[in-house]
Amino acid sequence: MSKTPEMIRNEKAGACLVKALEGRCFEAYYCETKEEAKEKALSLIPEGDVISWGGCGTAEEIGLMDEIQSGKYKVIDRATGKDRAESLQLMRQGLLADTYIAGTNAISEDGQLVNIDGTGNRVAAMTFGPSNIIVVAGMNKVAKNVEDALTRARSIAAPINCQRFPDKKTPCVKTGLCGDCNSPDCICNYISTIRRCSPPKKIKVILIGEKLGF
């Protein structure tokens, strides 16, 4: 099958982003398809590692989570907690996992990752936690610069994410638009920009040509 103009564009832009990420000491890859991305992610998990993850729709879309939770790997899964307190404890344990799977809310063209969290477990793990972080992201997450990446995270990713929790009393649940709220139910409590990876190559970023996640 011949490549579409979008596929050709994403391949070229992906190559530029890989260079930009590597220039900031990330380890980076471009995969054209979901299947290639899943296999690349699995190849980056050392045998015997304990694995945990933050909320990551992209990892689910490419089939990575099905593989991780198939029984072949040792995992720390917050969803197995009997209540909120136990789930929080599992999140804390996840900070000591060997490998951590995550998505990202936005990536600037110069190779910086921007993320927003409600609880903070994902941004904490990505910045100071497991020694092997695997980030999977569709090319639709790419923004021109850090300012646009933050706008994307707050105006697109967060309001969509919040629709998963219809009982939350935030402006974006009602309107679909960010209200820059200070609501008790706000999911935009922790905002993180990773402008450089330290130590080098701790964070592996897999860019995927297909449109994935939000």
Protein backbone atom coordinates (compact mmCIF):
# COMPACT_ATOMS: atom_id res chain seq x y z
CA MET A 1 0.00 0.00 0.00
CA SER A 2 1.34 3.42 -0.94
CA LYS A 3 1.92 5.92 1.82
CA THR A 4 -0.50 8.80 2.30
CA PRO A 5 0.76 12.39 2.45
CA GLU A 6 0.10 12.36 6.21
CA MET A 7 2.21 9.21 6.66
CA ILE A 8 5.04 10.76 4.63
CA ARG A 9 4.84 13.97 6.64
CA ASN A 10 4.83 12.13 9.96
CA GLU A 11 7.83 10.05 8.95
CA LYS A 12 9.83 13.16 8.08
CA ALA A 13 8.70 15.07 11.17
CA GLY A 14 9.32 11.98 13.31
CA ALA A 15 12.93 11.83 12.16
CA CYS A 16 13.40 15.48 13.14
CA LEU A 17 11.81 14.87 16.54
CA VAL A 18 14.01 11.86 17.20
CA LYS A 19 17.07 14.07 16.64
CA ALA A 20 15.64 16.80 18.87
CA LEU A 21 14.90 14.32 21.66
CA GLU A 22 18.33 12.72 21.36
CA GLY A 23 19.86 16.18 21.57
CA ARG A 24 18.21 16.46 25.00
CA CYS A 25 19.60 13.07 26.07
CA PHE A 26 16.40 11.07 25.60
CA GLU A 27 16.54 7.74 23.77
CA ALA A 28 14.09 8.09 20.90
CA TYR A 29 12.50 6.02 18.15
CA TYR A 30 9.97 6.54 15.38
CA CYS A 31 7.55 3.71 14.53
CA GLU A 32 5.12 3.97 11.67
CA THR A 33 2.48 1.63 13.10
CA LYS A 34 0.97 0.57 16.42
CA GLU A 35 2.33 -2.95 15.98
CA GLU A 36 5.89 -1.71 15.44
CA ALA A 37 5.58 0.56 18.47
CA LYS A 38 4.39 -2.28 20.72
CA GLU A 39 7.28 -4.54 19.67
CA LYS A 40 9.79 -1.72 20.16
CA ALA A 41 8.45 -1.00 23.66
CA LEU A 42 8.63 -4.67 24.65
CA SER A 43 12.20 -4.87 23.38
CA LEU A 44 13.15 -2.06 25.79
CA ILE A 45 11.98 -3.95 28.89
CA PRO A 46 14.79 -6.02 30.43
CA GLU A 47 13.90 -9.58 31.34
CA GLY A 48 12.84 -9.92 34.97
CA ASP A 49 11.92 -6.26 35.44
CA VAL A 50 9.03 -5.26 37.68
CA ILE A 51 6.73 -3.02 35.62
CA SER A 52 4.27 -0.32 36.60
CA TRP A 53 2.50 2.45 34.71
CA GLY A 54 0.52 5.65 34.86
CA GLY A 55 -2.75 6.22 33.03
CA CYS A 56 -1.77 5.74 29.40
CA GLY A 57 -4.44 5.42 26.74
CA THR A 58 -1.84 5.22 23.99
CA ALA A 59 -0.20 2.16 25.55
CA GLU A 60 -3.63 0.52 25.67
CA GLU A 61 -4.38 1.44 22.04
CA ILE A 62 -1.22 -0.17 20.70
CA GLY A 63 -1.83 -3.37 22.67
CA LEU A 64 1.11 -2.88 25.00
CA MET A 65 -0.93 -3.10 28.19
CA ASP A 66 -2.55 -6.37 27.11
CA GLU A 67 0.92 -7.82 26.69
CA ILE A 68 2.22 -6.40 29.97
CA GLN A 69 -0.79 -7.77 31.88
CA SER A 70 -0.78 -11.16 30.17
CA GLY A 71 0.96 -12.87 33.09
CA LYS A 72 4.39 -12.94 31.47
CA TYR A 73 5.65 -10.02 33.54
CA LYS A 74 5.82 -8.97 37.18
CA VAL A 75 3.61 -5.90 37.56
CA ILE A 76 2.46 -3.34 40.09
CA ASP A 77 -1.11 -2.49 39.08
CA ARG A 78 -2.94 0.20 41.02
CA ALA A 79 -6.25 -1.08 39.63
CA THR A 80 -5.95 -4.14 41.87
CA GLY A 81 -6.30 -1.99 45.00
CA LYS A 82 -9.44 -2.77 47.00
CA ASP A 83 -10.01 0.92 47.77
CA ARG A 84 -8.49 4.36 47.19
CA ALA A 85 -5.99 4.00 50.03
CA GLU A 86 -4.66 0.70 48.68
CA SER A 87 -4.51 2.07 45.15
CA LEU A 88 -2.43 5.02 46.40
CA GLN A 89 -0.09 2.63 48.14
CA LEU A 90 0.36 0.70 44.91
CA MET A 91 1.09 3.97 43.08
CA ARG A 92 3.84 4.68 45.61
CA GLN A 93 5.25 1.19 45.10
CA GLY A 94 5.21 1.90 41.37
CA LEU A 95 7.82 4.60 41.93
CA LEU A 96 10.24 1.78 42.83
CA ALA A 97 9.43 -0.38 39.79
CA ASP A 98 12.24 -1.18 37.35
CA THR A 99 10.33 -0.09 34.24
CA TYR A 100 7.53 2.47 34.06
CA ILE A 101 5.16 2.86 31.10
CA ALA A 102 3.67 6.29 30.43
CA GLY A 103 2.17 8.51 27.82
CA THR A 104 2.74 12.22 27.45
CA ASN A 105 0.21 15.00 26.99
CA ALA A 106 2.34 16.93 24.51
CA ILE A 107 5.80 17.11 22.93
CA SER A 108 7.36 20.30 21.61
CA GLU A 109 9.14 20.21 18.26
CA ASP A 110 12.43 20.89 20.05
CA GLY A 111 12.04 17.71 22.14
CA GLN A 112 10.48 18.68 25.48
CA LEU A 113 7.75 16.65 27.19
CA VAL A 114 4.80 18.41 28.85
CA ASN A 115 2.47 16.57 31.22
CA ILE A 116 -0.43 17.34 33.54
CA ASP A 117 -1.48 15.05 36.40
CA GLY A 118 -4.25 15.01 38.94
CA THR A 119 -2.56 12.80 41.53
CA GLY A 120 1.05 13.33 40.47
CA ASN A 121 2.12 9.68 40.37
CA ARG A 122 2.94 9.74 36.64
CA VAL A 123 4.98 12.95 36.63
CA ALA A 124 6.77 11.83 39.80
CA ALA A 125 7.73 8.51 38.22
CA MET A 126 8.89 10.16 35.00
CA THR A 127 11.12 12.67 36.79
CA PHE A 128 12.44 10.69 39.76
CA GLY A 129 11.50 7.06 40.12
CA PRO A 130 12.13 3.97 37.99
CA SER A 131 15.40 3.86 36.08
CA ASN A 132 13.71 2.81 32.82
CA ILE A 133 10.85 4.98 31.55
CA ILE A 134 9.08 4.11 28.29
CA VAL A 135 6.93 6.90 26.85
CA VAL A 136 4.63 6.11 23.92
CA ALA A 137 3.03 8.95 21.96
CA GLY A 138 1.22 9.45 18.68
CA MET A 139 2.43 12.20 16.38
CA ASN A 140 -0.82 14.07 17.12
CA LYS A 141 0.77 14.98 20.48
CA VAL A 142 3.40 17.19 18.80
CA ALA A 143 3.16 20.97 19.28
CA LYS A 144 5.28 23.78 17.86
CA ASN A 145 6.90 24.87 21.13
CA VAL A 146 6.61 24.42 24.90
CA GLU A 147 3.94 27.11 25.17
CA ASP A 148 1.80 25.39 22.53
CA ALA A 149 2.49 22.04 24.18
CA LEU A 150 1.16 23.36 27.49
CA THR A 151 -1.87 24.80 25.73
CA ARG A 152 -2.51 21.44 24.10
CA ALA A 153 -2.17 19.61 27.42
CA ARG A 154 -4.56 21.96 29.22
CA SER A 155 -7.05 22.78 26.45
CA ILE A 156 -7.29 19.43 24.67
CA ALA A 157 -5.85 16.53 26.67
CA ALA A 158 -7.15 17.48 30.13
CA PRO A 159 -10.76 18.30 29.13
CA ILE A 160 -10.99 15.06 27.15
CA ASN A 161 -9.45 13.08 30.00
CA CYS A 162 -11.90 14.61 32.47
CA GLN A 163 -14.85 13.30 30.46
CA ARG A 164 -13.91 9.87 31.80
CA PHE A 165 -15.07 11.11 35.20
CA PRO A 166 -18.56 12.58 34.60
CA ASP A 167 -19.21 12.98 38.34
CA LYS A 168 -16.36 15.49 38.71
CA LYS A 169 -17.55 19.05 39.17
CA THR A 170 -15.17 20.93 36.91
CA PRO A 171 -15.95 23.45 34.16
CA CYS A 172 -14.44 21.20 31.49
CA VAL A 173 -16.77 18.31 32.34
CA LYS A 174 -19.72 20.61 31.70
CA THR A 175 -18.45 22.66 28.74
CA GLY A 176 -15.61 20.61 27.24
CA LEU A 177 -13.38 23.67 27.60
CA CYS A 178 -10.66 24.43 30.14
CA GLY A 179 -11.90 26.93 32.72
CA ASP A 180 -8.51 27.32 34.46
CA CYS A 181 -10.37 26.12 37.54
CA ASN A 182 -9.41 25.77 41.17
CA SER A 183 -12.06 23.12 41.74
CA PRO A 184 -11.59 20.42 44.42
CA ASP A 185 -12.12 17.95 41.54
CA CYS A 186 -9.46 19.54 39.32
CA ILE A 187 -7.22 17.01 37.52
CA CYS A 188 -4.66 19.66 36.50
CA ASN A 189 -2.79 19.80 39.80
CA TYR A 190 0.76 18.94 38.74
CA ILE A 191 2.26 20.38 35.56
CA SER A 192 5.66 19.12 34.47
CA THR A 193 8.03 20.04 31.65
CA ILE A 194 10.89 17.61 31.06
CA ARG A 195 13.34 19.68 29.02
CA ARG A 196 16.25 17.25 29.27
CA CYS A 197 16.66 13.63 30.32
CA SER A 198 18.99 12.97 33.25
CA PRO A 199 20.61 10.54 33.53
CA PRO A 200 20.89 10.22 29.75
CA LYS A 201 18.60 7.66 28.08
CA LYS A 202 16.60 6.94 31.25
CA ILE A 203 13.51 8.01 29.31
CA LYS A 204 12.84 6.20 26.03
CA VAL A 205 10.35 8.00 23.77
CA ILE A 206 8.55 6.02 21.08
CA LEU A 207 6.85 8.26 18.52
CA ILE A 208 4.08 6.60 16.54
CA GLY A 209 2.98 7.72 13.09
CA GLU A 210 -0.65 6.90 13.69
CA LYS A 211 -2.99 9.25 15.56
CA LEU A 212 -3.36 7.86 19.07
CA GLY A 213 -4.63 8.96 22.45
CA PHE A 214 -5.65 12.48 23.35
